[in-house]
């Protein structure tokens, strides 16, 4: 049984309970403890004030999760004595969160959302020499960054499902314009996991499964899968050895690829929640909720289904294109001027392949939408071969230049069959007589092998169909 508590830093201009600039939206890290004030330092006599923009953005998240919205709510104090909270408590929501009883569909299954609430981020602890090292420094710049926490029910049954859920959640937040993976904004999760004993696990008499383990502060979707896989193996081994699994909090070490014990797990009672007396009750009227609902953009699932209906592309292509808002926008623009099927296959194929190879998103690539649309037009007008069009995309990403410049620089223009091309094709047959003989014996794959070699010899300037026809003539099949 797996449940996730995911925290996302919101991209508001200021912090949640004071007027300090929000470091989550800055392109570079400020000097430690320079974006602070008496409120986020927890100094005596300081008073918090709620940031209305945080409430509006959190409301959009709760609505996108399909939650029931609390029209009246308040903030609470969560008491704990760690140095990352100078005032010894965190302002959060507990008794009445902003949203409850939502859901998110993942792979045909519904993952229930228990609650969506707002809170402040603690300060950043810097462990000099690692955990248990020489000493710990505290940077209070992060203290007070607005957080929205999305808590699921324990509905996930595998680490992979947890990873897919997080990827989908991250994408929804990006479509809402509240999270940008290319910035320093943090998207991290606490994972709760428990195993029940089953026939697959040899459980000695008296051994208990089902105790909940919490793994704190896991950043990234791949890391959540790795952490849960490790924890499942660790707990299974303990059960097989007859060891009792105690309820505890652990941390994930990406370097060691292992979880490590931090402390015994606290219960809700340990936090001593009380009403925050320095903040008023917040009322959200039905009109405000409806306005927020009307302002929601087309979300990924909705866009994917519309692309399938409107442009007649398959679900795999639609899912790939929708995976980045900028790619989805590019596809829509390209489909107005080119064949939607060609645009979809190119964006999901050649373009994404090149971006992934360079570890880039379209937004970061330096490419312009009109360059891709221009390139698609050149291909559809027969001025570029498939192979050279892909090479043009690669060079465009490398050099940040438009297709016309790249084509002229590298001579990628499509050419008709000429004496030089005929000579290169004949040379291909001479060098690969076995493949030619295999084709004559009936092996069809040998022909495609020869086409690929001949395209390489002609540097991709000749259309594959023309090369195939020339080869067939030379092989005596035409």
Foldseek 3Di string as FASTA:
>chain_A
DKKKKKKWFWDDQAFFFDRFGQQQNDQDHDDFQPRDDCVLLVHPPDFTEGDVVLVLLLLLLQVVQVFDADQWAAWKWFAADDVLRNNRTWIWGDPHAGTAFGWDDFPNDIWTWGGKHKTWDTWDWDDVCPVVDDDIDTGSSRTRRIMIIIITDRPDDALVSQLRVLLQSQLQCVQQVTDDPVTNIFIWMKMKDWDADDPVADAPPPEGTGAIEIEPTQGHSVLSNLAVVQVVVVVSVCRNVNHHDAHFYWYADPVVSYIGGDGHDDDSVVRVMDTDPSYDIHGHDPVNSVVSVVPRDQGLVNQLVCCCVPQVDDSVLSNQQSSDPVSSVLLVVLVVPARSHLSSCCCSPLQVVLCVVVVHDPVPQLEDSVLSSVLRVCVVVPFAAPVLSSVLSNVCSVPVDGSVVSCVVVVRTADEDDPVLLVLLVVLCVVCVVLLVVVVVPDPVSLVVSLVSSCVSVVRNYYSVNSSVSSCVVSVND
